[in-house]
Amino acid sequence: MLGITGFNYTDRYIDGFSVNGQGGTNMGAHTNGSGEACCIVWRPGTALPVPMLVEWTYGENQDLRTGQIYKPRETHRVEVELKGPAPKNPTVFAVHFYPDNTVQLEVAEDYPKPRFKRSGSAREAQS
């Protein structure tokens, strides 16, 4: 069992997400790690790549002075391939949410580093 954590590189609050039905936490905009939710099953030796279903919901954006909603709640669902390589002793399953609504998955031995520079628009190279 691996803890699930999220990285939100978007400018929207994510009100919750799941991978193959296993829930992750909510997270603020531009959050480099959301804390961990328990858990997703990981079987050592799983052949990669493997498709996984990721669902997430952006919370509504509201003008606090007027109460006007300028971005409503928005739910997304996408099939994403978990690609390798996978470490020998993974502990974390990371989900990376990008501003263009793409998602990348990662199995890591330790808490991964963010992949997106806030000051720029290019993804950092994976190490």
C-alpha atoms as a PDB file:
ATOM      1  CA  MET A   1       0.000   0.000   0.000  1.00  0.00           C
ATOM      2  CA  LEU A   2       1.310   3.420  -1.010  1.00  0.00           C
ATOM      3  CA  GLY A   3       0.233   6.781   0.361  1.00  0.00           C
ATOM      4  CA  ILE A   4      -1.267   9.066  -2.304  1.00  0.00           C
ATOM      5  CA  THR A   5      -0.089  12.665  -2.572  1.00  0.00           C
ATOM      6  CA  GLY A   6      -0.913  15.386  -5.077  1.00  0.00           C
ATOM      7  CA  PHE A   7       0.966  18.268  -6.657  1.00  0.00           C
ATOM      8  CA  ASN A   8      -1.317  21.043  -7.928  1.00  0.00           C
ATOM      9  CA  TYR A   9       0.467  23.333 -10.390  1.00  0.00           C
ATOM     10  CA  THR A  10      -2.796  25.033 -11.427  1.00  0.00           C
ATOM     11  CA  ASP A  11      -4.259  28.321 -10.229  1.00  0.00           C
ATOM     12  CA  ARG A  12      -7.404  26.532  -8.947  1.00  0.00           C
ATOM     13  CA  TYR A  13      -8.247  24.844  -5.671  1.00  0.00           C
ATOM     14  CA  ILE A  14      -8.702  21.083  -6.106  1.00  0.00           C
ATOM     15  CA  ASP A  15     -11.587  19.961  -3.920  1.00  0.00           C
ATOM     16  CA  GLY A  16     -10.584  16.306  -4.114  1.00  0.00           C
ATOM     17  CA  PHE A  17      -9.125  13.720  -6.452  1.00  0.00           C
ATOM     18  CA  SER A  18      -8.925   9.965  -6.865  1.00  0.00           C
ATOM     19  CA  VAL A  19      -6.871   7.357  -8.711  1.00  0.00           C
ATOM     20  CA  ASN A  20      -8.771   4.201  -9.659  1.00  0.00           C
ATOM     21  CA  GLY A  21     -11.344   5.199  -7.046  1.00  0.00           C
ATOM     22  CA  GLN A  22      -8.806   5.642  -4.229  1.00  0.00           C
ATOM     23  CA  GLY A  23      -9.115   9.127  -2.800  1.00  0.00           C
ATOM     24  CA  GLY A  24      -6.464  11.786  -2.462  1.00  0.00           C
ATOM     25  CA  THR A  25      -6.678  14.967  -0.431  1.00  0.00           C
ATOM     26  CA  ASN A  26      -7.884  18.425  -1.387  1.00  0.00           C
ATOM     27  CA  MET A  27      -5.219  21.024  -2.106  1.00  0.00           C
ATOM     28  CA  GLY A  28      -4.826  24.696  -2.723  1.00  0.00           C
ATOM     29  CA  ALA A  29      -3.668  26.286  -5.941  1.00  0.00           C
ATOM     30  CA  HIS A  30       0.070  25.978  -6.626  1.00  0.00           C
ATOM     31  CA  THR A  31       0.513  23.320  -3.935  1.00  0.00           C
ATOM     32  CA  ASN A  32       3.790  21.414  -4.093  1.00  0.00           C
ATOM     33  CA  GLY A  33       2.586  18.352  -2.229  1.00  0.00           C
ATOM     34  CA  SER A  34      -0.788  17.862  -0.581  1.00  0.00           C
ATOM     35  CA  GLY A  35       0.009  15.600   2.309  1.00  0.00           C
ATOM     36  CA  GLU A  36      -0.859  11.934   2.065  1.00  0.00           C
ATOM     37  CA  ALA A  37      -4.095  10.016   1.935  1.00  0.00           C
ATOM     38  CA  CYS A  38      -4.203   6.284   2.395  1.00  0.00           C
ATOM     39  CA  CYS A  39      -3.786   4.269   0.162  1.00  0.00           C
ATOM     40  CA  ILE A  40      -3.418   2.737  -3.258  1.00  0.00           C
ATOM     41  CA  VAL A  41      -2.478  -0.871  -3.806  1.00  0.00           C
ATOM     42  CA  TRP A  42       0.901  -1.395  -5.441  1.00  0.00           C
ATOM     43  CA  ARG A  43       2.073  -4.853  -6.343  1.00  0.00           C
ATOM     44  CA  PRO A  44       5.855  -5.223  -6.694  1.00  0.00           C
ATOM     45  CA  GLY A  45       6.775  -6.295 -10.192  1.00  0.00           C
ATOM     46  CA  THR A  46       3.756  -4.645 -11.833  1.00  0.00           C
ATOM     47  CA  ALA A  47       4.429  -4.417 -15.562  1.00  0.00           C
ATOM     48  CA  LEU A  48       4.536  -0.788 -16.713  1.00  0.00           C
ATOM     49  CA  PRO A  49       3.041   1.180 -18.330  1.00  0.00           C
ATOM     50  CA  VAL A  50      -0.378   0.598 -16.775  1.00  0.00           C
ATOM     51  CA  PRO A  51      -3.512   2.732 -17.403  1.00  0.00           C
ATOM     52  CA  MET A  52      -5.173   4.381 -14.402  1.00  0.00           C
ATOM     53  CA  LEU A  53      -8.291   6.524 -14.070  1.00  0.00           C
ATOM     54  CA  VAL A  54      -7.757   9.918 -12.417  1.00  0.00           C
ATOM     55  CA  GLU A  55     -10.702  12.098 -11.397  1.00  0.00           C
ATOM     56  CA  TRP A  56     -10.558  15.533  -9.783  1.00  0.00           C
ATOM     57  CA  THR A  57     -12.834  18.450  -9.044  1.00  0.00           C
ATOM     58  CA  TYR A  58     -11.854  22.093  -9.058  1.00  0.00           C
ATOM     59  CA  GLY A  59     -13.686  24.104  -6.413  1.00  0.00           C
ATOM     60  CA  GLU A  60     -15.636  27.187  -7.422  1.00  0.00           C
ATOM     61  CA  ASN A  61     -13.949  30.566  -7.453  1.00  0.00           C
ATOM     62  CA  GLN A  62     -16.037  33.270  -5.871  1.00  0.00           C
ATOM     63  CA  ASP A  63     -15.636  37.001  -5.374  1.00  0.00           C
ATOM     64  CA  LEU A  64     -15.757  37.294  -1.589  1.00  0.00           C
ATOM     65  CA  ARG A  65     -17.046  40.872  -1.712  1.00  0.00           C
ATOM     66  CA  THR A  66     -19.986  40.280  -4.033  1.00  0.00           C
ATOM     67  CA  GLY A  67     -20.550  36.536  -3.680  1.00  0.00           C
ATOM     68  CA  GLN A  68     -20.481  36.226  -7.465  1.00  0.00           C
ATOM     69  CA  ILE A  69     -19.123  32.916  -8.754  1.00  0.00           C
ATOM     70  CA  TYR A  70     -16.750  33.551 -11.634  1.00  0.00           C
ATOM     71  CA  LYS A  71     -15.537  29.942 -12.065  1.00  0.00           C
ATOM     72  CA  PRO A  72     -17.969  27.141 -11.175  1.00  0.00           C
ATOM     73  CA  ARG A  73     -17.034  23.706  -9.793  1.00  0.00           C
ATOM     74  CA  GLU A  74     -15.559  21.632 -12.565  1.00  0.00           C
ATOM     75  CA  THR A  75     -14.962  17.863 -12.582  1.00  0.00           C
ATOM     76  CA  HIS A  76     -12.441  16.161 -14.841  1.00  0.00           C
ATOM     77  CA  ARG A  77     -11.837  12.511 -15.581  1.00  0.00           C
ATOM     78  CA  VAL A  78      -8.904  11.164 -17.592  1.00  0.00           C
ATOM     79  CA  GLU A  79      -7.139   7.887 -18.188  1.00  0.00           C
ATOM     80  CA  VAL A  80      -3.413   8.273 -17.550  1.00  0.00           C
ATOM     81  CA  GLU A  81      -0.580   5.815 -18.035  1.00  0.00           C
ATOM     82  CA  LEU A  82       1.666   5.180 -15.079  1.00  0.00           C
ATOM     83  CA  LYS A  83       5.042   4.857 -16.751  1.00  0.00           C
ATOM     84  CA  GLY A  84       8.250   3.501 -15.310  1.00  0.00           C
ATOM     85  CA  PRO A  85      10.631   2.917 -14.034  1.00  0.00           C
ATOM     86  CA  ALA A  86       9.300   2.108 -10.575  1.00  0.00           C
ATOM     87  CA  PRO A  87      11.736   2.027  -7.668  1.00  0.00           C
ATOM     88  CA  LYS A  88      12.454  -1.218  -5.873  1.00  0.00           C
ATOM     89  CA  ASN A  89      10.937  -0.034  -2.561  1.00  0.00           C
ATOM     90  CA  PRO A  90       8.296   2.614  -3.315  1.00  0.00           C
ATOM     91  CA  THR A  91       6.461   4.424  -0.505  1.00  0.00           C
ATOM     92  CA  VAL A  92       4.572   7.205  -2.316  1.00  0.00           C
ATOM     93  CA  PHE A  93       2.160   7.420  -5.256  1.00  0.00           C
ATOM     94  CA  ALA A  94       2.278  10.988  -6.607  1.00  0.00           C
ATOM     95  CA  VAL A  95      -0.272  12.664  -8.876  1.00  0.00           C
ATOM     96  CA  HIS A  96       0.851  15.817 -10.719  1.00  0.00           C
ATOM     97  CA  PHE A  97      -1.896  18.202 -11.991  1.00  0.00           C
ATOM     98  CA  TYR A  98      -0.807  20.705 -14.660  1.00  0.00           C
ATOM     99  CA  PRO A  99      -2.456  23.988 -15.792  1.00  0.00           C
ATOM    100  CA  ASP A 100      -3.454  22.467 -19.149  1.00  0.00           C
ATOM    101  CA  ASN A 101      -5.495  19.780 -17.285  1.00  0.00           C
ATOM    102  CA  THR A 102      -2.987  17.049 -18.037  1.00  0.00           C
ATOM    103  CA  VAL A 103      -1.950  14.655 -15.286  1.00  0.00           C
ATOM    104  CA  GLN A 104       1.186  12.621 -14.694  1.00  0.00           C
ATOM    105  CA  LEU A 105       1.587   9.754 -12.234  1.00  0.00           C
ATOM    106  CA  GLU A 106       4.686   8.700 -10.348  1.00  0.00           C
ATOM    107  CA  VAL A 107       5.647   5.907  -7.968  1.00  0.00           C
ATOM    108  CA  ALA A 108       8.510   7.097  -5.770  1.00  0.00           C
ATOM    109  CA  GLU A 109      10.756   5.788  -3.038  1.00  0.00           C
ATOM    110  CA  ASP A 110      10.496   9.052  -1.133  1.00  0.00           C
ATOM    111  CA  TYR A 111       8.395  12.201  -1.317  1.00  0.00           C
ATOM    112  CA  PRO A 112       9.084  13.500  -4.882  1.00  0.00           C
ATOM    113  CA  LYS A 113      10.234  16.982  -5.814  1.00  0.00           C
ATOM    114  CA  PRO A 114       7.839  19.317  -7.658  1.00  0.00           C
ATOM    115  CA  ARG A 115       8.060  19.097 -11.446  1.00  0.00           C
ATOM    116  CA  PHE A 116       6.789  22.552 -12.364  1.00  0.00           C
ATOM    117  CA  LYS A 117       8.443  25.916 -11.883  1.00  0.00           C
ATOM    118  CA  ARG A 118       5.913  28.521 -10.753  1.00  0.00           C
ATOM    119  CA  SER A 119       7.857  31.345 -12.358  1.00  0.00           C
ATOM    120  CA  GLY A 120       7.956  29.652 -15.768  1.00  0.00           C
ATOM    121  CA  SER A 121       5.759  27.548 -17.942  1.00  0.00           C
ATOM    122  CA  ALA A 122       8.009  24.598 -18.710  1.00  0.00           C
ATOM    123  CA  ARG A 123       7.953  21.350 -16.777  1.00  0.00           C
ATOM    124  CA  GLU A 124      11.149  20.521 -14.956  1.00  0.00           C
ATOM    125  CA  ALA A 125      12.983  17.503 -16.231  1.00  0.00           C
ATOM    126  CA  GLN A 126      12.373  14.374 -14.243  1.00  0.00           C
ATOM    127  CA  SER A 127      15.448  13.107 -12.492  1.00  0.00           C
END
